[in-house]
Every structure is written in C-alpha cells, then in structure tokens.
Amino acid sequence: MRLVAFVGPSGTGKSHRALWIAHENGLDYIIDDGLLIHENSIVAGKSAKKAPSKLASVRVALFTEDDHRDEVKKAIREKKPKGILVLGTSDKMVDKIAETLELGTFEKRIYIEDVASQFEIEQARNTRLKQGKHVIPVPAVQLKKQFSGYFLDPLQIFRRKGKGSFQKVGEKSVVRPTFSYYGNYTISDYAIYQVVNHIIRAMPEMERVSRFRANNEPDGLYIDMDVIMVFGYNLIEAVRAAQKTIIEELDRFAGFNVNRLNIYVKNLVLKKTR
C-alpha cells in the first residue's frame, strides 16, 4: 500500500486540497481529522471537528481512543487501499498517525507550500481565524449523522481539463465546529417544535400537534408526536406527506439528520379551525 503525507499548519487549506492531491497522486483513500475517506464517502472513524474542544479534536485526529483506532484499522484491512493520503499539521503528527494505525512508512511528503501560494495560504488562515470555518473533504450528506444540527455548506471540486472544460473531482463540506472562533450554539427543542407545528398547521389534512417530544442525540434527531387530523382525508397519505415535509424542512432549517419521526393520529375533528 502506497502512503503519502500531506503536511501543513492548521487552517492553511489542506482539507480543501485533499481530494485533488489524492487524485493527482493516484491515492484512493484519505485520512483526515479522524476519518477514513474513500471516493467522497466516510468509510470509518469520526470527525475531530465534532469534538467539544481543540485539545479533544487533536486526540481524535491522532486516533488515541481504542474503539476509534480499531474501527479504522479494521476498515483498512478489509478495504485494502491501493494508497492513502494522510493529512497532518506536522511531520510528527503524520508519523504518529501512521504508527498508531500501523500503516508503514511514507513514500513521499507533500507540504502545503508545494501546492499553494503564500497568498492562498494566508486567505485560508483568515477564513479559519475570522469565520471559524473548517473543510471536510466529503459531501454534506455524508456528514449528517456526525454533524446533525450543524451548519453545512456543500461545495463541488473541479479541475480544468482544457479551455472551457472541467472534470468534477469530488465534493467537500464546510462546517463550523463547536470549538470555533464563534463558540458554541444550541437549538432548543421548542424551536424544533415550532418548525414542526407550523408545517402541521399549514396542511389542510392536519389540525394541530397535541404532543411533541424530541431527543437530539449525537447521531441525529428522534421525534415522537401526536397529531389531531381533519376527518375526510386519507390518513396514511397525509401522515407520510407530513413526515416527508418535516424531515426536509428540519434539514433545510439547521442540517438536522432525522433518524426517526413517529407520528400518532390521536383524534379527529370534522372541520379545520383557523
């Protein structure tokens, strides 16, 4: 298995360029901030961007937890990558990751200065410091379970093939972790309820939500709710339409990954009230 290191200080644009670097060097897997990534998909691991502090994020990136480390090592054994690009903030860090995951030695090291100008590096630093934004080289949909309730900005990556011609290389996501410059934020259950109740009341088949319970777990949102419906409509079709709309709107509202949405029809009214 070929092993290449991609080294640069934090916030200089490594993750932004990771897919392109891997593609140019014929490497089919990437290890970045605790994740094992293959063709824009998370194969194993957990993101260091989800850690509650910068120190905790470093521990995740170094695979210090037994379960995390063993999961990634098992995936590498099973998938048998042709080559892996390992991202790190220093030579010491990438060497530690390679040693911890028993990957072997690097055939070469690529430094951020080799692929980015000083101006581009400073731009990346300013984005990190002033806006608290971090890049993860996978599509936003791949991160829903790990970043439920976070703001995710999907971006597509292209490379120029010729004049006016571009080839899509992959997709990446921009996240703002809880330890970023702007600090923590929370979304209350009541705010979620307000979104859901607004959707229900706007449907002609539905009267209102009579009971609502939401659990925002690390892997996503779990919702149980009772509704009062209007007599005369197809209950099954109406409930399915409500589920679909609620899931889509909570995703649009704050990137929530809804793992379960149970809707119980508890009562009927003959006419919808205003």
C-alpha atoms as a PDB file:
ATOM      1  CA  MET A   1       0.000   0.000   0.000  1.00  0.00           C
ATOM      2  CA  ARG A   2       1.368   3.388  -1.030  1.00  0.00           C
ATOM      3  CA  LEU A   3       1.467   6.000   1.711  1.00  0.00           C
ATOM      4  CA  VAL A   4       1.794   9.756   1.124  1.00  0.00           C
ATOM      5  CA  ALA A   5       1.793  12.508   3.745  1.00  0.00           C
ATOM      6  CA  PHE A   6       0.210  15.919   3.193  1.00  0.00           C
ATOM      7  CA  VAL A   7       1.567  18.347   5.791  1.00  0.00           C
ATOM      8  CA  GLY A   8       0.728  21.927   6.682  1.00  0.00           C
ATOM      9  CA  PRO A   9      -0.206  24.054   9.710  1.00  0.00           C
ATOM     10  CA  SER A  10      -3.813  24.108  10.822  1.00  0.00           C
ATOM     11  CA  GLY A  11      -6.043  26.334   8.703  1.00  0.00           C
ATOM     12  CA  THR A  12      -3.774  26.562   5.654  1.00  0.00           C
ATOM     13  CA  GLY A  13      -6.075  24.714   3.238  1.00  0.00           C
ATOM     14  CA  LYS A  14      -5.023  21.043   3.417  1.00  0.00           C
ATOM     15  CA  SER A  15      -8.532  19.590   3.578  1.00  0.00           C
ATOM     16  CA  HIS A  16      -9.590  21.996   0.837  1.00  0.00           C
ATOM     17  CA  ARG A  17      -6.973  20.444  -1.474  1.00  0.00           C
ATOM     18  CA  ALA A  18      -7.026  16.856  -0.161  1.00  0.00           C
ATOM     19  CA  LEU A  19      -9.251  15.367  -2.879  1.00  0.00           C
ATOM     20  CA  TRP A  20      -7.220  16.987  -5.636  1.00  0.00           C
ATOM     21  CA  ILE A  21      -3.886  15.889  -4.118  1.00  0.00           C
ATOM     22  CA  ALA A  22      -5.126  12.314  -3.677  1.00  0.00           C
ATOM     23  CA  HIS A  23      -6.449  12.247  -7.244  1.00  0.00           C
ATOM     24  CA  GLU A  24      -3.214  13.613  -8.717  1.00  0.00           C
ATOM     25  CA  ASN A  25      -1.130  11.029  -6.841  1.00  0.00           C
ATOM     26  CA  GLY A  26      -3.312   8.015  -7.589  1.00  0.00           C
ATOM     27  CA  LEU A  27      -4.377   7.523  -3.977  1.00  0.00           C
ATOM     28  CA  ASP A  28      -7.837   6.097  -3.417  1.00  0.00           C
ATOM     29  CA  TYR A  29      -8.166   6.775   0.339  1.00  0.00           C
ATOM     30  CA  ILE A  30      -7.678   9.791   2.620  1.00  0.00           C
ATOM     31  CA  ILE A  31      -7.153  10.017   6.370  1.00  0.00           C
ATOM     32  CA  ASP A  32      -8.155  13.444   7.617  1.00  0.00           C
ATOM     33  CA  ASP A  33      -9.055  14.541  11.155  1.00  0.00           C
ATOM     34  CA  GLY A  34     -10.114  11.115  12.401  1.00  0.00           C
ATOM     35  CA  LEU A  35     -11.928   9.985   9.245  1.00  0.00           C
ATOM     36  CA  LEU A  36     -11.070   7.318   6.683  1.00  0.00           C
ATOM     37  CA  ILE A  37     -12.482   8.579   3.370  1.00  0.00           C
ATOM     38  CA  HIS A  38     -12.895   6.805   0.016  1.00  0.00           C
ATOM     39  CA  GLU A  39     -14.356   8.437  -3.105  1.00  0.00           C
ATOM     40  CA  ASN A  40     -16.238  11.130  -1.210  1.00  0.00           C
ATOM     41  CA  SER A  41     -17.624   8.641   1.320  1.00  0.00           C
ATOM     42  CA  ILE A  42     -16.803   8.154   5.005  1.00  0.00           C
ATOM     43  CA  VAL A  43     -15.681   4.540   5.396  1.00  0.00           C
ATOM     44  CA  ALA A  44     -14.836   4.601   9.110  1.00  0.00           C
ATOM     45  CA  GLY A  45     -13.901   6.875  12.002  1.00  0.00           C
ATOM     46  CA  LYS A  46     -15.350  10.027  13.489  1.00  0.00           C
ATOM     47  CA  SER A  47     -14.641  13.653  12.729  1.00  0.00           C
ATOM     48  CA  ALA A  48     -12.362  15.665  15.003  1.00  0.00           C
ATOM     49  CA  LYS A  49     -14.419  18.716  14.009  1.00  0.00           C
ATOM     50  CA  LYS A  50     -17.223  17.358  16.220  1.00  0.00           C
ATOM     51  CA  ALA A  51     -15.033  17.369  19.345  1.00  0.00           C
ATOM     52  CA  PRO A  52     -16.009  19.838  22.109  1.00  0.00           C
ATOM     53  CA  SER A  53     -12.550  21.458  22.329  1.00  0.00           C
ATOM     54  CA  LYS A  54      -9.384  21.905  20.288  1.00  0.00           C
ATOM     55  CA  LEU A  55      -7.467  19.539  22.586  1.00  0.00           C
ATOM     56  CA  ALA A  56     -10.128  16.872  22.216  1.00  0.00           C
ATOM     57  CA  SER A  57     -10.085  17.332  18.439  1.00  0.00           C
ATOM     58  CA  VAL A  58      -6.330  16.627  18.390  1.00  0.00           C
ATOM     59  CA  ARG A  59      -6.874  13.393  20.327  1.00  0.00           C
ATOM     60  CA  VAL A  60      -9.498  12.301  17.805  1.00  0.00           C
ATOM     61  CA  ALA A  61      -7.242  13.176  14.865  1.00  0.00           C
ATOM     62  CA  LEU A  62      -4.463  11.050  16.410  1.00  0.00           C
ATOM     63  CA  PHE A  63      -6.769   8.046  16.978  1.00  0.00           C
ATOM     64  CA  THR A  64      -6.000   7.866  20.701  1.00  0.00           C
ATOM     65  CA  GLU A  65      -9.287   6.106  21.603  1.00  0.00           C
ATOM     66  CA  ASP A  66      -9.165   2.315  21.302  1.00  0.00           C
ATOM     67  CA  ASP A  67     -12.586   1.858  19.664  1.00  0.00           C
ATOM     68  CA  HIS A  68     -11.961   4.638  17.154  1.00  0.00           C
ATOM     69  CA  ARG A  69      -8.490   3.358  16.264  1.00  0.00           C
ATOM     70  CA  ASP A  70      -9.619  -0.285  15.967  1.00  0.00           C
ATOM     71  CA  GLU A  71     -12.558   0.635  13.730  1.00  0.00           C
ATOM     72  CA  VAL A  72     -10.315   2.436  11.246  1.00  0.00           C
ATOM     73  CA  LYS A  73      -7.622  -0.272  11.313  1.00  0.00           C
ATOM     74  CA  LYS A  74     -10.258  -2.941  10.640  1.00  0.00           C
ATOM     75  CA  ALA A  75     -11.668  -0.955   7.725  1.00  0.00           C
ATOM     76  CA  ILE A  76      -8.202  -0.571   6.193  1.00  0.00           C
ATOM     77  CA  ARG A  77      -7.573  -4.315   6.488  1.00  0.00           C
ATOM     78  CA  GLU A  78     -10.919  -5.107   4.841  1.00  0.00           C
ATOM     79  CA  LYS A  79     -10.834  -2.485   2.081  1.00  0.00           C
ATOM     80  CA  LYS A  80      -7.153  -2.995   1.174  1.00  0.00           C
ATOM     81  CA  PRO A  81      -6.498   0.529  -0.213  1.00  0.00           C
ATOM     82  CA  LYS A  82      -4.042   0.964  -3.063  1.00  0.00           C
ATOM     83  CA  GLY A  83      -2.821   4.152  -1.440  1.00  0.00           C
ATOM     84  CA  ILE A  84      -3.654   6.506   1.418  1.00  0.00           C
ATOM     85  CA  LEU A  85      -3.091  10.252   1.726  1.00  0.00           C
ATOM     86  CA  VAL A  86      -2.561  11.128   5.407  1.00  0.00           C
ATOM     87  CA  LEU A  87      -3.176  14.752   6.416  1.00  0.00           C
ATOM     88  CA  GLY A  88      -1.455  16.337   9.401  1.00  0.00           C
ATOM     89  CA  THR A  89      -0.280  19.630  10.811  1.00  0.00           C
ATOM     90  CA  SER A  90       3.328  18.448  11.138  1.00  0.00           C
ATOM     91  CA  ASP A  91       5.696  15.640  10.186  1.00  0.00           C
ATOM     92  CA  LYS A  92       5.472  14.417  13.765  1.00  0.00           C
ATOM     93  CA  MET A  93       1.687  14.215  13.552  1.00  0.00           C
ATOM     94  CA  VAL A  94       1.517  12.220  10.293  1.00  0.00           C
ATOM     95  CA  ASP A  95       4.259   9.888  11.590  1.00  0.00           C
ATOM     96  CA  LYS A  96       2.240   9.329  14.771  1.00  0.00           C
ATOM     97  CA  ILE A  97      -0.920   8.543  12.777  1.00  0.00           C
ATOM     98  CA  ALA A  98       0.980   6.094  10.543  1.00  0.00           C
ATOM     99  CA  GLU A  99       2.488   4.406  13.594  1.00  0.00           C
ATOM    100  CA  THR A 100      -0.813   4.225  15.504  1.00  0.00           C
ATOM    101  CA  LEU A 101      -2.711   2.743  12.552  1.00  0.00           C
ATOM    102  CA  GLU A 102       0.247   0.515  11.563  1.00  0.00           C
ATOM    103  CA  LEU A 103       0.326   1.863   8.014  1.00  0.00           C
ATOM    104  CA  GLY A 104       4.058   1.634   7.331  1.00  0.00           C
ATOM    105  CA  THR A 105       6.398   4.337   6.052  1.00  0.00           C
ATOM    106  CA  PHE A 106       5.688   7.266   3.747  1.00  0.00           C
ATOM    107  CA  GLU A 107       6.989   7.088   0.201  1.00  0.00           C
ATOM    108  CA  LYS A 108       6.884  10.877  -0.014  1.00  0.00           C
ATOM    109  CA  ARG A 109       5.701  14.001   1.786  1.00  0.00           C
ATOM    110  CA  ILE A 110       3.829  16.877   0.190  1.00  0.00           C
ATOM    111  CA  TYR A 111       3.823  20.211   2.016  1.00  0.00           C
ATOM    112  CA  ILE A 112       1.156  22.866   1.666  1.00  0.00           C
ATOM    113  CA  GLU A 113       3.787  25.269   0.322  1.00  0.00           C
ATOM    114  CA  ASP A 114       4.346  22.856  -2.582  1.00  0.00           C
ATOM    115  CA  VAL A 115       0.768  23.181  -3.848  1.00  0.00           C
ATOM    116  CA  ALA A 116      -0.464  26.590  -2.636  1.00  0.00           C
ATOM    117  CA  SER A 117       0.912  30.100  -2.940  1.00  0.00           C
ATOM    118  CA  GLN A 118       1.600  32.227   0.124  1.00  0.00           C
ATOM    119  CA  PHE A 119      -1.396  34.371  -0.800  1.00  0.00           C
ATOM    120  CA  GLU A 120      -3.696  31.318  -0.914  1.00  0.00           C
ATOM    121  CA  ILE A 121      -2.356  30.095   2.422  1.00  0.00           C
ATOM    122  CA  GLU A 122      -2.994  33.472   4.043  1.00  0.00           C
ATOM    123  CA  GLN A 123      -6.501  33.542   2.605  1.00  0.00           C
ATOM    124  CA  ALA A 124      -7.185  30.125   4.136  1.00  0.00           C
ATOM    125  CA  ARG A 125      -5.780  31.261   7.502  1.00  0.00           C
ATOM    126  CA  ASN A 126      -8.014  34.343   7.509  1.00  0.00           C
ATOM    127  CA  THR A 127     -11.086  32.231   6.753  1.00  0.00           C
ATOM    128  CA  ARG A 128     -10.252  29.929   9.655  1.00  0.00           C
ATOM    129  CA  LEU A 129      -9.440  32.683  12.142  1.00  0.00           C
ATOM    130  CA  LYS A 130     -12.140  35.206  11.237  1.00  0.00           C
ATOM    131  CA  GLN A 131     -15.015  32.904  10.251  1.00  0.00           C
ATOM    132  CA  GLY A 132     -14.214  29.724  12.161  1.00  0.00           C
ATOM    133  CA  LYS A 133     -14.817  27.571   9.067  1.00  0.00           C
ATOM    134  CA  HIS A 134     -13.322  24.104   8.595  1.00  0.00           C
ATOM    135  CA  VAL A 135     -13.369  21.947   5.446  1.00  0.00           C
ATOM    136  CA  ILE A 136     -14.095  18.202   5.385  1.00  0.00           C
ATOM    137  CA  PRO A 137     -13.444  16.506   2.008  1.00  0.00           C
ATOM    138  CA  VAL A 138     -16.773  14.649   1.770  1.00  0.00           C
ATOM    139  CA  PRO A 139     -20.289  15.717   0.697  1.00  0.00           C
ATOM    140  CA  ALA A 140     -22.600  17.217   3.312  1.00  0.00           C
ATOM    141  CA  VAL A 141     -24.941  14.221   3.092  1.00  0.00           C
ATOM    142  CA  GLN A 142     -22.095  12.004   4.337  1.00  0.00           C
ATOM    143  CA  LEU A 143     -21.748  14.141   7.455  1.00  0.00           C
ATOM    144  CA  LYS A 144     -25.387  14.330   8.508  1.00  0.00           C
ATOM    145  CA  LYS A 145     -25.105  11.740  11.263  1.00  0.00           C
ATOM    146  CA  GLN A 146     -21.906  13.201  12.687  1.00  0.00           C
ATOM    147  CA  PHE A 147     -22.954  16.848  12.341  1.00  0.00           C
ATOM    148  CA  SER A 148     -26.703  16.798  12.910  1.00  0.00           C
ATOM    149  CA  GLY A 149     -27.805  20.335  13.753  1.00  0.00           C
ATOM    150  CA  TYR A 150     -24.617  21.962  12.432  1.00  0.00           C
ATOM    151  CA  PHE A 151     -24.411  24.385   9.532  1.00  0.00           C
ATOM    152  CA  LEU A 152     -23.020  22.586   6.483  1.00  0.00           C
ATOM    153  CA  ASP A 153     -22.111  24.271   3.208  1.00  0.00           C
ATOM    154  CA  PRO A 154     -21.646  21.829   0.296  1.00  0.00           C
ATOM    155  CA  LEU A 155     -19.025  22.689  -2.327  1.00  0.00           C
ATOM    156  CA  GLN A 156     -18.055  20.858  -5.517  1.00  0.00           C
ATOM    157  CA  ILE A 157     -14.457  20.484  -6.687  1.00  0.00           C
ATOM    158  CA  PHE A 158     -13.480  20.623 -10.354  1.00  0.00           C
ATOM    159  CA  ARG A 159     -10.176  20.624 -12.211  1.00  0.00           C
ATOM    160  CA  ARG A 160      -9.548  22.202 -15.595  1.00  0.00           C
ATOM    161  CA  LYS A 161      -9.087  19.691 -18.429  1.00  0.00           C
ATOM    162  CA  GLY A 162      -8.733  22.253 -21.179  1.00  0.00           C
ATOM    163  CA  LYS A 163     -10.120  25.562 -22.332  1.00  0.00           C
ATOM    164  CA  GLY A 164     -13.705  25.766 -21.131  1.00  0.00           C
ATOM    165  CA  SER A 165     -13.664  22.119 -19.989  1.00  0.00           C
ATOM    166  CA  PHE A 166     -13.768  20.906 -16.396  1.00  0.00           C
ATOM    167  CA  GLN A 167     -13.786  17.493 -14.728  1.00  0.00           C
ATOM    168  CA  LYS A 168     -15.551  17.008 -11.411  1.00  0.00           C
ATOM    169  CA  VAL A 169     -13.068  15.653  -8.853  1.00  0.00           C
ATOM    170  CA  GLY A 170     -15.366  15.417  -5.840  1.00  0.00           C
ATOM    171  CA  GLU A 171     -17.360  17.308  -3.255  1.00  0.00           C
ATOM    172  CA  LYS A 172     -16.481  18.759   0.134  1.00  0.00           C
ATOM    173  CA  SER A 173     -18.287  20.419   3.012  1.00  0.00           C
ATOM    174  CA  VAL A 174     -17.627  23.477   5.148  1.00  0.00           C
ATOM    175  CA  VAL A 175     -18.564  23.221   8.832  1.00  0.00           C
ATOM    176  CA  ARG A 176     -18.265  25.480  11.849  1.00  0.00           C
ATOM    177  CA  PRO A 177     -17.295  23.264  14.824  1.00  0.00           C
ATOM    178  CA  THR A 178     -18.362  23.999  18.387  1.00  0.00           C
ATOM    179  CA  PHE A 179     -14.787  24.962  19.313  1.00  0.00           C
ATOM    180  CA  SER A 180     -14.528  27.525  16.507  1.00  0.00           C
ATOM    181  CA  TYR A 181     -13.955  31.249  16.905  1.00  0.00           C
ATOM    182  CA  TYR A 182     -17.670  31.932  17.278  1.00  0.00           C
ATOM    183  CA  GLY A 183     -18.106  29.476  20.167  1.00  0.00           C
ATOM    184  CA  ASN A 184     -20.987  27.111  20.900  1.00  0.00           C
ATOM    185  CA  TYR A 185     -24.590  27.306  19.787  1.00  0.00           C
ATOM    186  CA  THR A 186     -27.648  25.228  20.613  1.00  0.00           C
ATOM    187  CA  ILE A 187     -31.058  24.770  19.014  1.00  0.00           C
ATOM    188  CA  SER A 188     -33.790  24.218  21.597  1.00  0.00           C
ATOM    189  CA  ASP A 189     -36.454  21.518  21.395  1.00  0.00           C
ATOM    190  CA  TYR A 190     -39.052  24.279  21.429  1.00  0.00           C
ATOM    191  CA  ALA A 191     -37.571  25.814  18.269  1.00  0.00           C
ATOM    192  CA  ILE A 192     -37.804  22.391  16.606  1.00  0.00           C
ATOM    193  CA  TYR A 193     -41.395  22.057  17.830  1.00  0.00           C
ATOM    194  CA  GLN A 194     -42.285  25.454  16.370  1.00  0.00           C
ATOM    195  CA  VAL A 195     -40.997  24.427  12.946  1.00  0.00           C
ATOM    196  CA  VAL A 196     -42.879  21.123  13.079  1.00  0.00           C
ATOM    197  CA  ASN A 197     -46.120  22.654  14.352  1.00  0.00           C
ATOM    198  CA  HIS A 198     -46.002  25.327  11.651  1.00  0.00           C
ATOM    199  CA  ILE A 199     -45.737  22.603   8.996  1.00  0.00           C
ATOM    200  CA  ILE A 200     -48.597  20.587  10.516  1.00  0.00           C
ATOM    201  CA  ARG A 201     -50.958  23.564  10.862  1.00  0.00           C
ATOM    202  CA  ALA A 202     -50.303  24.595   7.248  1.00  0.00           C
ATOM    203  CA  MET A 203     -51.549  21.212   5.978  1.00  0.00           C
ATOM    204  CA  PRO A 204     -55.306  21.088   5.220  1.00  0.00           C
ATOM    205  CA  GLU A 205     -55.413  17.485   6.475  1.00  0.00           C
ATOM    206  CA  MET A 206     -53.980  18.394   9.881  1.00  0.00           C
ATOM    207  CA  GLU A 207     -55.448  20.364  12.784  1.00  0.00           C
ATOM    208  CA  ARG A 208     -52.506  20.652  15.186  1.00  0.00           C
ATOM    209  CA  VAL A 209     -49.796  18.889  17.202  1.00  0.00           C
ATOM    210  CA  SER A 210     -51.166  17.723  20.553  1.00  0.00           C
ATOM    211  CA  ARG A 211     -47.972  16.202  21.983  1.00  0.00           C
ATOM    212  CA  PHE A 212     -44.364  16.642  20.933  1.00  0.00           C
ATOM    213  CA  ARG A 213     -41.122  15.100  22.143  1.00  0.00           C
ATOM    214  CA  ALA A 214     -37.674  15.496  20.535  1.00  0.00           C
ATOM    215  CA  ASN A 215     -34.360  13.917  21.527  1.00  0.00           C
ATOM    216  CA  ASN A 216     -31.321  15.428  19.816  1.00  0.00           C
ATOM    217  CA  GLU A 217     -28.774  12.603  20.077  1.00  0.00           C
ATOM    218  CA  PRO A 218     -25.178  12.721  18.724  1.00  0.00           C
ATOM    219  CA  ASP A 219     -26.204  10.681  15.655  1.00  0.00           C
ATOM    220  CA  GLY A 220     -29.303  12.714  14.888  1.00  0.00           C
ATOM    221  CA  LEU A 221     -32.815  13.704  15.896  1.00  0.00           C
ATOM    222  CA  TYR A 222     -35.533  11.384  17.244  1.00  0.00           C
ATOM    223  CA  ILE A 223     -39.103  12.739  17.261  1.00  0.00           C
ATOM    224  CA  ASP A 224     -42.348  11.329  18.657  1.00  0.00           C
ATOM    225  CA  MET A 225     -45.506  13.371  18.210  1.00  0.00           C
ATOM    226  CA  ASP A 226     -49.304  13.126  18.413  1.00  0.00           C
ATOM    227  CA  VAL A 227     -51.498  14.989  15.940  1.00  0.00           C
ATOM    228  CA  ILE A 228     -55.159  15.807  15.529  1.00  0.00           C
ATOM    229  CA  MET A 229     -56.348  15.366  11.946  1.00  0.00           C
ATOM    230  CA  VAL A 230     -59.291  16.586   9.910  1.00  0.00           C
ATOM    231  CA  PHE A 231     -61.905  13.982   9.004  1.00  0.00           C
ATOM    232  CA  GLY A 232     -62.363  13.143   5.323  1.00  0.00           C
ATOM    233  CA  TYR A 233     -58.723  12.800   4.224  1.00  0.00           C
ATOM    234  CA  ASN A 234     -56.617   9.696   3.620  1.00  0.00           C
ATOM    235  CA  LEU A 235     -54.792   9.382   6.943  1.00  0.00           C
ATOM    236  CA  ILE A 236     -51.885   7.280   5.657  1.00  0.00           C
ATOM    237  CA  GLU A 237     -51.104   9.582   2.734  1.00  0.00           C
ATOM    238  CA  ALA A 238     -51.384  12.678   4.938  1.00  0.00           C
ATOM    239  CA  VAL A 239     -49.056  11.290   7.613  1.00  0.00           C
ATOM    240  CA  ARG A 240     -46.482  10.241   5.018  1.00  0.00           C
ATOM    241  CA  ALA A 241     -46.620  13.684   3.431  1.00  0.00           C
ATOM    242  CA  ALA A 242     -46.147  15.275   6.866  1.00  0.00           C
ATOM    243  CA  GLN A 243     -43.135  13.073   7.620  1.00  0.00           C
ATOM    244  CA  LYS A 244     -41.501  13.909   4.287  1.00  0.00           C
ATOM    245  CA  THR A 245     -42.058  17.660   4.655  1.00  0.00           C
ATOM    246  CA  ILE A 246     -40.876  17.781   8.282  1.00  0.00           C
ATOM    247  CA  ILE A 247     -37.669  15.861   7.506  1.00  0.00           C
ATOM    248  CA  GLU A 248     -36.891  18.106   4.526  1.00  0.00           C
ATOM    249  CA  GLU A 249     -37.596  21.328   6.428  1.00  0.00           C
ATOM    250  CA  LEU A 250     -35.548  20.365   9.504  1.00  0.00           C
ATOM    251  CA  ASP A 251     -32.668  19.559   7.162  1.00  0.00           C
ATOM    252  CA  ARG A 252     -33.032  22.941   5.461  1.00  0.00           C
ATOM    253  CA  PHE A 253     -33.569  24.749   8.767  1.00  0.00           C
ATOM    254  CA  ALA A 254     -30.418  23.570  10.539  1.00  0.00           C
ATOM    255  CA  GLY A 255     -28.977  20.492   8.837  1.00  0.00           C
ATOM    256  CA  PHE A 256     -30.715  18.060  11.204  1.00  0.00           C
ATOM    257  CA  ASN A 257     -30.365  14.360  10.479  1.00  0.00           C
ATOM    258  CA  VAL A 258     -33.780  12.941  11.464  1.00  0.00           C
ATOM    259  CA  ASN A 259     -33.244   9.305  12.422  1.00  0.00           C
ATOM    260  CA  ARG A 260     -36.809   8.632  13.500  1.00  0.00           C
ATOM    261  CA  LEU A 261     -40.093  10.523  13.147  1.00  0.00           C
ATOM    262  CA  ASN A 262     -43.126   8.777  14.667  1.00  0.00           C
ATOM    263  CA  ILE A 263     -46.499  10.436  14.094  1.00  0.00           C
ATOM    264  CA  TYR A 264     -49.505   9.130  16.032  1.00  0.00           C
ATOM    265  CA  VAL A 265     -53.020  10.187  14.985  1.00  0.00           C
ATOM    266  CA  LYS A 266     -54.814  10.643  18.313  1.00  0.00           C
ATOM    267  CA  ASN A 267     -58.028  12.399  17.352  1.00  0.00           C
ATOM    268  CA  LEU A 268     -60.157  13.744  14.508  1.00  0.00           C
ATOM    269  CA  VAL A 269     -62.073  16.959  14.021  1.00  0.00           C
ATOM    270  CA  LEU A 270     -64.865  17.472  11.481  1.00  0.00           C
ATOM    271  CA  LYS A 271     -63.626  20.890  10.377  1.00  0.00           C
ATOM    272  CA  LYS A 272     -60.265  22.601  10.483  1.00  0.00           C
ATOM    273  CA  THR A 273     -60.180  25.661  12.740  1.00  0.00           C
ATOM    274  CA  ARG A 274     -58.207  28.771  11.880  1.00  0.00           C
END
